[in-house]
Structure formats: structure tokens, C-alpha cells
């Protein structure tokens, strides 16, 4: 039991470290190929932050534990929307960007509804379902990049935005470009090492989580919705709290919601195409909670484009109630 818990911890560390190294190397290669910074931010950096969830979900599906894969995504989205946004709002009221209200939240809602509808089909995500999700992901990325590049020359900072209306991914890419250019061989090495750490860490993480579930007589779905989802969402939690302290919480919430869209469309889409998933432990309660959590953020966002501390407390309490619902029967 303790050994498996140790493997989970080691796996989380390797997955998070590997994702960071892989992203750093990929950004350096893209810069050497003269790829525009805004494209790097909206593609490589954005996808890099989703690599922990992707690797854990793919490995889970291939190992025959699809509930871990889907639970990881659904749980991460709930964790992001309720706990991360709630804690960040408790630290400091969050100013919401206009793009978040009119693009990020609606896209997250549409992705959640599509997943909910797919799961009603005998609770199986087929390769066709995965392909449909992945096509939606490509359309989403195309529209995001097109909108960002067309608005870039004349963008004005809105309330709570960084200079030139940057998103979190763009700001991260700009920060990376300001550093000393990485040598080509080192960038390639980081990509290889990062990918190896991701794969190895994911195997340790999934294996340890599965054994813990068996030892505690807990379903893979509950482990995926709690331990696995929380572990893969730790970077977003740390980033959002730091951003809230620095007064950049508007960027953080946009990044969190963008991550939720990628979790469903990119991660479940790609995972479903690789290995069809027969879902057993995930219920409509979990899927509707994911949908409701996004609606709550959207509702709170319309109050002066700000999520106040009391609204953050409501989000955190809702998350606590959901955790009680999952863990009380154990």
C-alpha cells in the first residue's frame, strides 16, 4: 500500500517534470524554425500543459482501465473549475477577461455537452467518437489561432489583461523567447528526456493508482476523479494561486478553461482513437457536475466581469460537497 502510494507520488513528479521539459524543448525548436510566438503559445505551450492528462489517460486506456482515463479528464475539469478558480478567487477577486466570457466558457460548455451526449450511447467512447472530438479540437485550435493572429496588431489591453491582450499561453511563450536561445542539441535532448519521463511517470502513476484502488476496494472511476485528477491538475492550481497574488487572475481563469476544452476534445479524442473506452464507473452525476461547474463560472463572470471572494467560497464548498458525495460511501 505504502509502496504504491510512493509510486503515485514519483509518477506525478515525473509526469509534471517531463511535461515541462518536453514543452521547453519544443518551444526552442519552434523558435529556431522561426514559428511566430503567438502560434507557439497557442499550440505548443497550450498542449504542453495538457501532456500530463494526455499521457495518464492514454496509458490508462491501453492498460484496460478506461474509467481512470475518463475520470482523469472529468475530474480534472471539475477540479479546475471549482477548486482552482475558487481558491484563486479567495486569494484575490478575479477580474474576468471579455474573451473568457464570450469564448472560453462557451467552448468549455459545448465540449462538456458533447461528451455528455456521447456517454449516453451505452457508455462507450468509440474510435468514431474520438475522431469527432479530435475534429472539434482542430476546429477550436484553428479558430483560436486565427482570432489571435488577426487581433494581434491592434489589440488593446482590457481590464485585467496583460499587454496587448495576451493569453496565458502567449505570455509564457514571450517569457521563453526573452531567455537565451537554447542550443538545438539541448532542445532535442529535453524533448526526448521529457517524453521518456512522461511515459515512465504515467505508467508508475496509473499502476500505483490501480493497485491503491484494489487495496481500498475503490473503483477506478473514484480514483480517477480524485487522486489522478488532482495530481495532474497541480500545475494549474499553483499557477492560478500565484497569478491571483500578482493580480493576473484573469489570465489564469482563461488558461484553466482552455485546459478544460483541451482535456475533452484533445485528450479524450486522441485517447478514444487509440483505444475505445467502455465506461463503467463514471455516472451522469459526474458529467452533470462538470457541466454545472462551468455554468457556475459563467454565471459568476457576468457580475461586473469579476468573481468575488464569496463566489470563490461557493465554488470551493461545491467542490467539497462533490468530494463528500464520492468518498462518503467508502
C-alpha atoms as a PDB file:
ATOM      1  CA  UNK A   1       0.000   0.000   0.000  1.00  0.00           C
ATOM      2  CA  UNK A   2       2.707   2.478   1.034  1.00  0.00           C
ATOM      3  CA  UNK A   3       4.874   1.394  -1.884  1.00  0.00           C
ATOM      4  CA  UNK A   4       2.025   2.030  -4.334  1.00  0.00           C
ATOM      5  CA  UNK A   5       1.429   5.454  -2.785  1.00  0.00           C
ATOM      6  CA  UNK A   6       5.131   6.149  -3.318  1.00  0.00           C
ATOM      7  CA  UNK A   7       4.845   5.101  -6.976  1.00  0.00           C
ATOM      8  CA  UNK A   8       1.920   7.509  -7.375  1.00  0.00           C
ATOM      9  CA  UNK A   9       3.988  10.357  -5.927  1.00  0.00           C
ATOM     10  CA  UNK A  10       7.039   9.529  -8.045  1.00  0.00           C
ATOM     11  CA  UNK A  11       4.823   9.182 -11.100  1.00  0.00           C
ATOM     12  CA  UNK A  12       3.245  12.619 -10.552  1.00  0.00           C
ATOM     13  CA  UNK A  13       6.653  14.256 -10.182  1.00  0.00           C
ATOM     14  CA  UNK A  14       7.994  12.573 -13.334  1.00  0.00           C
ATOM     15  CA  UNK A  15       4.889  13.440 -15.374  1.00  0.00           C
ATOM     16  CA  UNK A  16       4.920  17.110 -14.370  1.00  0.00           C
ATOM     17  CA  UNK A  17       8.685  17.456 -14.808  1.00  0.00           C
ATOM     18  CA  UNK A  18       8.602  15.628 -18.130  1.00  0.00           C
ATOM     19  CA  UNK A  19       5.801  17.831 -19.478  1.00  0.00           C
ATOM     20  CA  UNK A  20       7.788  20.938 -18.564  1.00  0.00           C
ATOM     21  CA  UNK A  21      10.970  19.660 -20.235  1.00  0.00           C
ATOM     22  CA  UNK A  22       9.133  18.493 -23.359  1.00  0.00           C
ATOM     23  CA  UNK A  23       7.398  21.844 -23.729  1.00  0.00           C
ATOM     24  CA  UNK A  24      10.619  23.784 -23.167  1.00  0.00           C
ATOM     25  CA  UNK A  25      12.421  21.763 -25.840  1.00  0.00           C
ATOM     26  CA  UNK A  26       9.533  22.011 -28.310  1.00  0.00           C
ATOM     27  CA  UNK A  27       9.309  25.795 -27.884  1.00  0.00           C
ATOM     28  CA  UNK A  28      13.062  26.110 -28.506  1.00  0.00           C
ATOM     29  CA  UNK A  29      12.825  24.031 -31.695  1.00  0.00           C
ATOM     30  CA  UNK A  30       9.860  26.075 -32.918  1.00  0.00           C
ATOM     31  CA  UNK A  31      11.741  29.306 -32.277  1.00  0.00           C
ATOM     32  CA  UNK A  32      14.703  28.052 -34.283  1.00  0.00           C
ATOM     33  CA  UNK A  33      12.282  27.284 -37.135  1.00  0.00           C
ATOM     34  CA  UNK A  34      11.024  30.895 -36.837  1.00  0.00           C
ATOM     35  CA  UNK A  35       7.487  29.894 -35.891  1.00  0.00           C
ATOM     36  CA  UNK A  36       5.575  33.047 -34.718  1.00  0.00           C
ATOM     37  CA  UNK A  37       5.441  33.467 -30.956  1.00  0.00           C
ATOM     38  CA  UNK A  38       1.649  33.641 -30.869  1.00  0.00           C
ATOM     39  CA  UNK A  39       1.394  30.294 -32.688  1.00  0.00           C
ATOM     40  CA  UNK A  40       3.904  28.744 -30.266  1.00  0.00           C
ATOM     41  CA  UNK A  41       1.888  29.994 -27.310  1.00  0.00           C
ATOM     42  CA  UNK A  42      -1.455  28.800 -28.587  1.00  0.00           C
ATOM     43  CA  UNK A  43      -0.245  25.378 -29.728  1.00  0.00           C
ATOM     44  CA  UNK A  44       2.959  24.019 -28.182  1.00  0.00           C
ATOM     45  CA  UNK A  45       2.667  25.729 -24.795  1.00  0.00           C
ATOM     46  CA  UNK A  46      -1.086  25.098 -24.547  1.00  0.00           C
ATOM     47  CA  UNK A  47      -0.759  21.423 -25.481  1.00  0.00           C
ATOM     48  CA  UNK A  48       2.297  21.043 -23.274  1.00  0.00           C
ATOM     49  CA  UNK A  49       0.267  21.923 -20.184  1.00  0.00           C
ATOM     50  CA  UNK A  50      -2.161  19.126 -21.114  1.00  0.00           C
ATOM     51  CA  UNK A  51       0.516  16.463 -21.582  1.00  0.00           C
ATOM     52  CA  UNK A  52       0.202  15.025 -18.024  1.00  0.00           C
ATOM     53  CA  UNK A  53      -3.518  14.367 -18.510  1.00  0.00           C
ATOM     54  CA  UNK A  54      -2.933  13.027 -22.029  1.00  0.00           C
ATOM     55  CA  UNK A  55      -0.243  10.522 -21.072  1.00  0.00           C
ATOM     56  CA  UNK A  56      -2.105   9.321 -17.983  1.00  0.00           C
ATOM     57  CA  UNK A  57      -5.336   8.877 -19.972  1.00  0.00           C
ATOM     58  CA  UNK A  58      -3.698   7.060 -22.891  1.00  0.00           C
ATOM     59  CA  UNK A  59      -1.757   4.720 -20.594  1.00  0.00           C
ATOM     60  CA  UNK A  60      -4.924   4.055 -18.549  1.00  0.00           C
ATOM     61  CA  UNK A  61      -6.937   3.174 -21.662  1.00  0.00           C
ATOM     62  CA  UNK A  62      -4.193   0.906 -23.032  1.00  0.00           C
ATOM     63  CA  UNK A  63      -3.916  -0.868 -19.658  1.00  0.00           C
ATOM     64  CA  UNK A  64      -7.626  -1.652 -19.666  1.00  0.00           C
ATOM     65  CA  UNK A  65      -8.710   0.911 -17.069  1.00  0.00           C
ATOM     66  CA  UNK A  66     -10.834   3.343 -19.131  1.00  0.00           C
ATOM     67  CA  UNK A  67     -12.578   4.670 -16.015  1.00  0.00           C
ATOM     68  CA  UNK A  68      -9.215   6.062 -14.905  1.00  0.00           C
ATOM     69  CA  UNK A  69      -8.802   7.746 -18.291  1.00  0.00           C
ATOM     70  CA  UNK A  70     -12.261   9.347 -18.392  1.00  0.00           C
ATOM     71  CA  UNK A  71     -12.278  10.010 -14.652  1.00  0.00           C
ATOM     72  CA  UNK A  72      -8.964  11.826 -15.035  1.00  0.00           C
ATOM     73  CA  UNK A  73     -10.462  14.216 -17.604  1.00  0.00           C
ATOM     74  CA  UNK A  74     -13.850  14.724 -15.937  1.00  0.00           C
ATOM     75  CA  UNK A  75     -12.254  15.057 -12.500  1.00  0.00           C
ATOM     76  CA  UNK A  76      -9.592  17.476 -13.778  1.00  0.00           C
ATOM     77  CA  UNK A  77     -12.251  19.700 -15.321  1.00  0.00           C
ATOM     78  CA  UNK A  78     -14.251  19.755 -12.075  1.00  0.00           C
ATOM     79  CA  UNK A  79     -11.053  20.333 -10.073  1.00  0.00           C
ATOM     80  CA  UNK A  80     -10.091  23.215 -12.395  1.00  0.00           C
ATOM     81  CA  UNK A  81     -13.485  24.923 -12.444  1.00  0.00           C
ATOM     82  CA  UNK A  82     -14.426  24.594  -8.770  1.00  0.00           C
ATOM     83  CA  UNK A  83     -11.293  24.274  -6.644  1.00  0.00           C
ATOM     84  CA  UNK A  84      -8.673  26.150  -8.676  1.00  0.00           C
ATOM     85  CA  UNK A  85     -10.896  29.073  -9.652  1.00  0.00           C
ATOM     86  CA  UNK A  86     -12.468  29.074  -6.179  1.00  0.00           C
ATOM     87  CA  UNK A  87      -9.140  29.156  -4.312  1.00  0.00           C
ATOM     88  CA  UNK A  88      -7.750  31.820  -6.664  1.00  0.00           C
ATOM     89  CA  UNK A  89     -10.849  33.975  -6.068  1.00  0.00           C
ATOM     90  CA  UNK A  90     -10.458  33.555  -2.301  1.00  0.00           C
ATOM     91  CA  UNK A  91      -6.866  34.793  -2.582  1.00  0.00           C
ATOM     92  CA  UNK A  92      -7.982  37.857  -4.576  1.00  0.00           C
ATOM     93  CA  UNK A  93     -11.154  38.728  -6.524  1.00  0.00           C
ATOM     94  CA  UNK A  94     -10.681  37.589 -10.122  1.00  0.00           C
ATOM     95  CA  UNK A  95     -11.146  40.035 -12.993  1.00  0.00           C
ATOM     96  CA  UNK A  96     -12.589  38.129 -15.939  1.00  0.00           C
ATOM     97  CA  UNK A  97     -11.442  38.857 -19.480  1.00  0.00           C
ATOM     98  CA  UNK A  98     -14.091  39.503 -22.118  1.00  0.00           C
ATOM     99  CA  UNK A  99     -12.647  36.676 -24.228  1.00  0.00           C
ATOM    100  CA  UNK A 100     -13.175  34.299 -21.307  1.00  0.00           C
ATOM    101  CA  UNK A 101     -16.884  35.103 -21.042  1.00  0.00           C
ATOM    102  CA  UNK A 102     -17.625  35.005 -24.746  1.00  0.00           C
ATOM    103  CA  UNK A 103     -15.198  32.322 -25.983  1.00  0.00           C
ATOM    104  CA  UNK A 104     -13.554  30.152 -23.326  1.00  0.00           C
ATOM    105  CA  UNK A 105     -16.623  29.423 -21.173  1.00  0.00           C
ATOM    106  CA  UNK A 106     -18.992  28.727 -24.112  1.00  0.00           C
ATOM    107  CA  UNK A 107     -16.396  26.426 -25.711  1.00  0.00           C
ATOM    108  CA  UNK A 108     -15.987  24.553 -22.416  1.00  0.00           C
ATOM    109  CA  UNK A 109     -19.771  24.225 -22.164  1.00  0.00           C
ATOM    110  CA  UNK A 110     -20.102  22.895 -25.719  1.00  0.00           C
ATOM    111  CA  UNK A 111     -17.298  20.372 -25.152  1.00  0.00           C
ATOM    112  CA  UNK A 112     -18.944  19.189 -21.907  1.00  0.00           C
ATOM    113  CA  UNK A 113     -22.335  18.771 -23.586  1.00  0.00           C
ATOM    114  CA  UNK A 114     -20.811  16.821 -26.492  1.00  0.00           C
ATOM    115  CA  UNK A 115     -19.086  14.431 -24.049  1.00  0.00           C
ATOM    116  CA  UNK A 116     -22.307  14.056 -22.049  1.00  0.00           C
ATOM    117  CA  UNK A 117     -24.244  13.127 -25.192  1.00  0.00           C
ATOM    118  CA  UNK A 118     -21.597  10.631 -26.317  1.00  0.00           C
ATOM    119  CA  UNK A 119     -21.612   8.860 -22.969  1.00  0.00           C
ATOM    120  CA  UNK A 120     -25.348   8.249 -23.238  1.00  0.00           C
ATOM    121  CA  UNK A 121     -24.605   5.855 -26.115  1.00  0.00           C
ATOM    122  CA  UNK A 122     -24.149   2.711 -23.997  1.00  0.00           C
ATOM    123  CA  UNK A 123     -21.342   4.470 -22.088  1.00  0.00           C
ATOM    124  CA  UNK A 124     -18.795   3.714 -24.803  1.00  0.00           C
ATOM    125  CA  UNK A 125     -16.450   6.206 -26.443  1.00  0.00           C
ATOM    126  CA  UNK A 126     -15.728   4.598 -29.795  1.00  0.00           C
ATOM    127  CA  UNK A 127     -12.974   5.423 -32.248  1.00  0.00           C
ATOM    128  CA  UNK A 128     -15.551   7.373 -34.241  1.00  0.00           C
ATOM    129  CA  UNK A 129     -16.466   9.384 -31.134  1.00  0.00           C
ATOM    130  CA  UNK A 130     -12.786  10.042 -30.533  1.00  0.00           C
ATOM    131  CA  UNK A 131     -12.347  11.196 -34.120  1.00  0.00           C
ATOM    132  CA  UNK A 132     -15.321  13.564 -33.801  1.00  0.00           C
ATOM    133  CA  UNK A 133     -13.880  15.071 -30.621  1.00  0.00           C
ATOM    134  CA  UNK A 134     -10.484  15.447 -32.286  1.00  0.00           C
ATOM    135  CA  UNK A 135     -12.035  17.216 -35.297  1.00  0.00           C
ATOM    136  CA  UNK A 136     -13.745  19.626 -32.890  1.00  0.00           C
ATOM    137  CA  UNK A 137     -10.324  20.175 -31.301  1.00  0.00           C
ATOM    138  CA  UNK A 138      -8.737  21.025 -34.661  1.00  0.00           C
ATOM    139  CA  UNK A 139     -11.563  23.470 -35.430  1.00  0.00           C
ATOM    140  CA  UNK A 140     -11.171  25.044 -31.971  1.00  0.00           C
ATOM    141  CA  UNK A 141      -7.415  25.481 -32.433  1.00  0.00           C
ATOM    142  CA  UNK A 142      -7.889  26.882 -35.934  1.00  0.00           C
ATOM    143  CA  UNK A 143     -10.401  29.470 -34.743  1.00  0.00           C
ATOM    144  CA  UNK A 144      -8.268  30.342 -31.704  1.00  0.00           C
ATOM    145  CA  UNK A 145      -5.104  30.899 -33.744  1.00  0.00           C
ATOM    146  CA  UNK A 146      -6.970  32.788 -36.473  1.00  0.00           C
ATOM    147  CA  UNK A 147      -8.678  35.047 -33.934  1.00  0.00           C
ATOM    148  CA  UNK A 148      -5.455  35.724 -32.043  1.00  0.00           C
ATOM    149  CA  UNK A 149      -3.340  36.461 -35.113  1.00  0.00           C
ATOM    150  CA  UNK A 150      -5.958  38.740 -36.682  1.00  0.00           C
ATOM    151  CA  UNK A 151      -6.408  40.725 -33.460  1.00  0.00           C
ATOM    152  CA  UNK A 152      -2.728  40.892 -32.531  1.00  0.00           C
ATOM    153  CA  UNK A 153      -1.684  44.091 -34.378  1.00  0.00           C
ATOM    154  CA  UNK A 154      -4.424  46.262 -32.915  1.00  0.00           C
ATOM    155  CA  UNK A 155      -5.250  44.516 -29.630  1.00  0.00           C
ATOM    156  CA  UNK A 156      -5.788  46.827 -26.670  1.00  0.00           C
ATOM    157  CA  UNK A 157      -5.439  45.625 -23.106  1.00  0.00           C
ATOM    158  CA  UNK A 158      -8.818  45.110 -21.481  1.00  0.00           C
ATOM    159  CA  UNK A 159      -9.318  45.241 -17.756  1.00  0.00           C
ATOM    160  CA  UNK A 160      -7.233  42.501 -16.150  1.00  0.00           C
ATOM    161  CA  UNK A 161      -5.355  41.631 -19.370  1.00  0.00           C
ATOM    162  CA  UNK A 162      -1.642  41.728 -19.898  1.00  0.00           C
ATOM    163  CA  UNK A 163      -0.042  43.934 -22.515  1.00  0.00           C
ATOM    164  CA  UNK A 164      -1.563  43.527 -25.990  1.00  0.00           C
ATOM    165  CA  UNK A 165      -4.297  41.246 -24.638  1.00  0.00           C
ATOM    166  CA  UNK A 166      -2.034  38.266 -24.132  1.00  0.00           C
ATOM    167  CA  UNK A 167      -3.373  34.932 -23.078  1.00  0.00           C
ATOM    168  CA  UNK A 168      -1.507  32.834 -20.545  1.00  0.00           C
ATOM    169  CA  UNK A 169       0.000  30.715 -23.322  1.00  0.00           C
ATOM    170  CA  UNK A 170       1.190  33.772 -25.271  1.00  0.00           C
ATOM    171  CA  UNK A 171       2.713  35.308 -22.148  1.00  0.00           C
ATOM    172  CA  UNK A 172       4.534  32.051 -21.399  1.00  0.00           C
ATOM    173  CA  UNK A 173       5.887  31.915 -24.930  1.00  0.00           C
ATOM    174  CA  UNK A 174       7.055  35.542 -24.754  1.00  0.00           C
ATOM    175  CA  UNK A 175       8.792  34.846 -21.470  1.00  0.00           C
ATOM    176  CA  UNK A 176      10.535  31.845 -23.009  1.00  0.00           C
ATOM    177  CA  UNK A 177      11.681  33.865 -26.017  1.00  0.00           C
ATOM    178  CA  UNK A 178      13.197  36.542 -23.763  1.00  0.00           C
ATOM    179  CA  UNK A 179      15.634  33.986 -22.385  1.00  0.00           C
ATOM    180  CA  UNK A 180      18.898  32.986 -24.010  1.00  0.00           C
ATOM    181  CA  UNK A 181      18.136  30.845 -27.093  1.00  0.00           C
ATOM    182  CA  UNK A 182      18.550  27.138 -26.365  1.00  0.00           C
ATOM    183  CA  UNK A 183      21.014  25.179 -28.452  1.00  0.00           C
ATOM    184  CA  UNK A 184      19.488  22.775 -30.956  1.00  0.00           C
ATOM    185  CA  UNK A 185      21.011  19.619 -29.492  1.00  0.00           C
ATOM    186  CA  UNK A 186      19.892  20.580 -25.974  1.00  0.00           C
ATOM    187  CA  UNK A 187      16.342  21.269 -27.175  1.00  0.00           C
ATOM    188  CA  UNK A 188      16.224  17.848 -28.838  1.00  0.00           C
ATOM    189  CA  UNK A 189      17.615  16.204 -25.706  1.00  0.00           C
ATOM    190  CA  UNK A 190      14.987  17.853 -23.498  1.00  0.00           C
ATOM    191  CA  UNK A 191      12.228  16.665 -25.814  1.00  0.00           C
ATOM    192  CA  UNK A 192      13.456  13.062 -25.662  1.00  0.00           C
ATOM    193  CA  UNK A 193      14.051  13.137 -21.908  1.00  0.00           C
ATOM    194  CA  UNK A 194      10.719  14.862 -21.277  1.00  0.00           C
ATOM    195  CA  UNK A 195       8.799  12.320 -23.359  1.00  0.00           C
ATOM    196  CA  UNK A 196      10.553   9.439 -21.592  1.00  0.00           C
ATOM    197  CA  UNK A 197       9.720  10.930 -18.181  1.00  0.00           C
ATOM    198  CA  UNK A 198       6.092  11.409 -19.238  1.00  0.00           C
ATOM    199  CA  UNK A 199       5.700   7.820 -20.386  1.00  0.00           C
ATOM    200  CA  UNK A 200       7.566   6.317 -17.430  1.00  0.00           C
ATOM    201  CA  UNK A 201       5.823   8.538 -14.890  1.00  0.00           C
ATOM    202  CA  UNK A 202       2.410   7.801 -16.386  1.00  0.00           C
ATOM    203  CA  UNK A 203       2.998   4.053 -16.110  1.00  0.00           C
ATOM    204  CA  UNK A 204       4.070   4.386 -12.465  1.00  0.00           C
ATOM    205  CA  UNK A 205       1.173   6.712 -11.689  1.00  0.00           C
ATOM    206  CA  UNK A 206      -1.515   4.562 -13.309  1.00  0.00           C
ATOM    207  CA  UNK A 207      -0.077   1.324 -11.922  1.00  0.00           C
ATOM    208  CA  UNK A 208       0.122   2.718  -8.392  1.00  0.00           C
ATOM    209  CA  UNK A 209      -3.353   4.245  -8.557  1.00  0.00           C
ATOM    210  CA  UNK A 210      -4.849   0.980  -9.813  1.00  0.00           C
ATOM    211  CA  UNK A 211      -3.273  -1.027  -7.004  1.00  0.00           C
ATOM    212  CA  UNK A 212      -4.414   1.506  -4.379  1.00  0.00           C
ATOM    213  CA  UNK A 213      -7.952   1.285  -5.759  1.00  0.00           C
ATOM    214  CA  UNK A 214      -7.880  -2.505  -5.455  1.00  0.00           C
ATOM    215  CA  UNK A 215      -6.409  -2.401  -1.936  1.00  0.00           C
ATOM    216  CA  UNK A 216      -9.086   0.036  -0.737  1.00  0.00           C
ATOM    217  CA  UNK A 217     -11.818  -1.705  -2.724  1.00  0.00           C
ATOM    218  CA  UNK A 218     -12.472   1.579  -4.550  1.00  0.00           C
ATOM    219  CA  UNK A 219     -13.484   1.809  -8.186  1.00  0.00           C
ATOM    220  CA  UNK A 220     -11.082   3.088 -10.851  1.00  0.00           C
ATOM    221  CA  UNK A 221     -13.577   5.868 -11.538  1.00  0.00           C
ATOM    222  CA  UNK A 222     -13.346   7.284  -7.996  1.00  0.00           C
ATOM    223  CA  UNK A 223      -9.534   7.109  -8.067  1.00  0.00           C
ATOM    224  CA  UNK A 224      -9.540   8.847 -11.449  1.00  0.00           C
ATOM    225  CA  UNK A 225     -11.957  11.548 -10.277  1.00  0.00           C
ATOM    226  CA  UNK A 226      -9.932  12.278  -7.129  1.00  0.00           C
ATOM    227  CA  UNK A 227      -6.270  11.261  -6.817  1.00  0.00           C
ATOM    228  CA  UNK A 228      -5.409  11.113 -10.521  1.00  0.00           C
ATOM    229  CA  UNK A 229      -7.343  14.266 -11.450  1.00  0.00           C
ATOM    230  CA  UNK A 230      -5.889  16.219  -8.538  1.00  0.00           C
ATOM    231  CA  UNK A 231      -2.353  15.066  -9.275  1.00  0.00           C
ATOM    232  CA  UNK A 232      -2.411  16.055 -12.939  1.00  0.00           C
ATOM    233  CA  UNK A 233      -4.050  19.425 -12.121  1.00  0.00           C
ATOM    234  CA  UNK A 234      -1.472  20.539  -9.550  1.00  0.00           C
ATOM    235  CA  UNK A 235       0.402  22.820 -12.017  1.00  0.00           C
ATOM    236  CA  UNK A 236      -2.786  24.762 -12.814  1.00  0.00           C
ATOM    237  CA  UNK A 237      -3.516  25.151  -9.084  1.00  0.00           C
ATOM    238  CA  UNK A 238      -0.056  26.528  -8.306  1.00  0.00           C
ATOM    239  CA  UNK A 239      -0.051  28.810 -11.363  1.00  0.00           C
ATOM    240  CA  UNK A 240      -3.512  30.205 -10.628  1.00  0.00           C
ATOM    241  CA  UNK A 241      -2.768  30.997  -6.976  1.00  0.00           C
ATOM    242  CA  UNK A 242       0.476  32.778  -7.936  1.00  0.00           C
ATOM    243  CA  UNK A 243      -1.337  34.673 -10.700  1.00  0.00           C
ATOM    244  CA  UNK A 244      -4.064  35.740  -8.271  1.00  0.00           C
ATOM    245  CA  UNK A 245      -1.463  37.099  -5.839  1.00  0.00           C
ATOM    246  CA  UNK A 246       0.149  39.089  -8.681  1.00  0.00           C
ATOM    247  CA  UNK A 247      -3.174  40.483  -9.898  1.00  0.00           C
ATOM    248  CA  UNK A 248      -3.176  38.430 -13.121  1.00  0.00           C
ATOM    249  CA  UNK A 249      -6.024  36.114 -12.199  1.00  0.00           C
ATOM    250  CA  UNK A 250      -7.913  36.931 -15.397  1.00  0.00           C
ATOM    251  CA  UNK A 251      -5.208  35.163 -17.366  1.00  0.00           C
ATOM    252  CA  UNK A 252      -5.294  32.187 -15.014  1.00  0.00           C
ATOM    253  CA  UNK A 253      -9.022  31.531 -15.405  1.00  0.00           C
ATOM    254  CA  UNK A 254      -8.735  31.731 -19.188  1.00  0.00           C
ATOM    255  CA  UNK A 255      -5.925  29.195 -19.049  1.00  0.00           C
ATOM    256  CA  UNK A 256      -7.933  26.889 -16.761  1.00  0.00           C
ATOM    257  CA  UNK A 257     -10.980  26.922 -19.038  1.00  0.00           C
ATOM    258  CA  UNK A 258      -8.822  26.476 -22.122  1.00  0.00           C
ATOM    259  CA  UNK A 259      -7.311  23.449 -20.407  1.00  0.00           C
ATOM    260  CA  UNK A 260     -10.819  22.063 -19.808  1.00  0.00           C
ATOM    261  CA  UNK A 261     -11.614  22.320 -23.522  1.00  0.00           C
ATOM    262  CA  UNK A 262      -8.363  20.571 -24.465  1.00  0.00           C
ATOM    263  CA  UNK A 263      -8.970  17.855 -21.860  1.00  0.00           C
ATOM    264  CA  UNK A 264     -12.201  16.785 -23.561  1.00  0.00           C
ATOM    265  CA  UNK A 265     -11.553  17.456 -27.234  1.00  0.00           C
ATOM    266  CA  UNK A 266      -7.828  16.710 -27.492  1.00  0.00           C
ATOM    267  CA  UNK A 267      -7.158  14.175 -24.745  1.00  0.00           C
ATOM    268  CA  UNK A 268     -10.338  12.087 -24.891  1.00  0.00           C
ATOM    269  CA  UNK A 269     -10.429  12.482 -28.672  1.00  0.00           C
ATOM    270  CA  UNK A 270      -6.905  11.151 -29.142  1.00  0.00           C
ATOM    271  CA  UNK A 271      -7.306   8.504 -26.432  1.00  0.00           C
ATOM    272  CA  UNK A 272     -10.581   7.306 -27.960  1.00  0.00           C
ATOM    273  CA  UNK A 273      -8.988   6.952 -31.393  1.00  0.00           C
ATOM    274  CA  UNK A 274      -6.126   4.920 -29.914  1.00  0.00           C
ATOM    275  CA  UNK A 275      -8.284   2.678 -27.740  1.00  0.00           C
ATOM    276  CA  UNK A 276     -12.124   2.645 -27.479  1.00  0.00           C
ATOM    277  CA  UNK A 277     -13.247   3.127 -23.882  1.00  0.00           C
ATOM    278  CA  UNK A 278     -16.057   1.176 -22.198  1.00  0.00           C
ATOM    279  CA  UNK A 279     -17.037   3.331 -19.217  1.00  0.00           C
ATOM    280  CA  UNK A 280     -18.474   1.657 -16.122  1.00  0.00           C
ATOM    281  CA  UNK A 281     -17.838   3.779 -13.021  1.00  0.00           C
ATOM    282  CA  UNK A 282     -18.408   7.313 -14.337  1.00  0.00           C
ATOM    283  CA  UNK A 283     -22.043   8.369 -13.855  1.00  0.00           C
ATOM    284  CA  UNK A 284     -24.317  11.144 -15.061  1.00  0.00           C
ATOM    285  CA  UNK A 285     -23.789  12.834 -11.690  1.00  0.00           C
ATOM    286  CA  UNK A 286     -20.088  13.269 -12.515  1.00  0.00           C
ATOM    287  CA  UNK A 287     -20.783  14.524 -16.037  1.00  0.00           C
ATOM    288  CA  UNK A 288     -23.506  16.932 -14.902  1.00  0.00           C
ATOM    289  CA  UNK A 289     -21.230  18.220 -12.129  1.00  0.00           C
ATOM    290  CA  UNK A 290     -18.619  19.013 -14.786  1.00  0.00           C
ATOM    291  CA  UNK A 291     -21.284  20.880 -16.772  1.00  0.00           C
ATOM    292  CA  UNK A 292     -22.712  22.694 -13.731  1.00  0.00           C
ATOM    293  CA  UNK A 293     -19.260  23.813 -12.556  1.00  0.00           C
ATOM    294  CA  UNK A 294     -18.690  25.559 -15.895  1.00  0.00           C
ATOM    295  CA  UNK A 295     -22.150  27.153 -15.796  1.00  0.00           C
ATOM    296  CA  UNK A 296     -21.408  28.474 -12.282  1.00  0.00           C
ATOM    297  CA  UNK A 297     -18.249  30.197 -13.512  1.00  0.00           C
ATOM    298  CA  UNK A 298     -20.156  31.671 -16.458  1.00  0.00           C
ATOM    299  CA  UNK A 299     -22.906  32.946 -14.154  1.00  0.00           C
ATOM    300  CA  UNK A 300     -20.445  34.499 -11.696  1.00  0.00           C
ATOM    301  CA  UNK A 301     -18.456  36.042 -14.557  1.00  0.00           C
ATOM    302  CA  UNK A 302     -21.373  38.249 -15.568  1.00  0.00           C
ATOM    303  CA  UNK A 303     -21.340  40.068 -12.213  1.00  0.00           C
ATOM    304  CA  UNK A 304     -19.173  43.030 -13.209  1.00  0.00           C
ATOM    305  CA  UNK A 305     -16.784  40.649 -15.003  1.00  0.00           C
ATOM    306  CA  UNK A 306     -15.430  39.666 -11.585  1.00  0.00           C
ATOM    307  CA  UNK A 307     -15.535  36.561  -9.415  1.00  0.00           C
ATOM    308  CA  UNK A 308     -15.717  37.861  -5.834  1.00  0.00           C
ATOM    309  CA  UNK A 309     -14.358  36.115  -2.761  1.00  0.00           C
ATOM    310  CA  UNK A 310     -17.814  34.934  -1.659  1.00  0.00           C
ATOM    311  CA  UNK A 311     -18.371  33.421  -5.108  1.00  0.00           C
ATOM    312  CA  UNK A 312     -14.991  31.680  -4.832  1.00  0.00           C
ATOM    313  CA  UNK A 313     -16.133  30.284  -1.472  1.00  0.00           C
ATOM    314  CA  UNK A 314     -19.296  28.918  -3.119  1.00  0.00           C
ATOM    315  CA  UNK A 315     -17.166  27.168  -5.753  1.00  0.00           C
ATOM    316  CA  UNK A 316     -14.862  25.639  -3.122  1.00  0.00           C
ATOM    317  CA  UNK A 317     -17.812  24.494  -0.983  1.00  0.00           C
ATOM    318  CA  UNK A 318     -19.440  22.939  -4.057  1.00  0.00           C
ATOM    319  CA  UNK A 319     -16.219  21.042  -4.745  1.00  0.00           C
ATOM    320  CA  UNK A 320     -16.130  19.884  -1.127  1.00  0.00           C
ATOM    321  CA  UNK A 321     -19.703  18.653  -1.399  1.00  0.00           C
ATOM    322  CA  UNK A 322     -18.884  16.709  -4.557  1.00  0.00           C
ATOM    323  CA  UNK A 323     -15.848  15.111  -2.885  1.00  0.00           C
ATOM    324  CA  UNK A 324     -18.045  14.135   0.063  1.00  0.00           C
ATOM    325  CA  UNK A 325     -20.514  12.537  -2.370  1.00  0.00           C
ATOM    326  CA  UNK A 326     -17.690  10.483  -3.912  1.00  0.00           C
ATOM    327  CA  UNK A 327     -15.856   9.469  -0.752  1.00  0.00           C
ATOM    328  CA  UNK A 328     -18.586   9.212   1.921  1.00  0.00           C
ATOM    329  CA  UNK A 329     -19.738   5.710   0.844  1.00  0.00           C
ATOM    330  CA  UNK A 330     -16.189   4.320   1.232  1.00  0.00           C
END
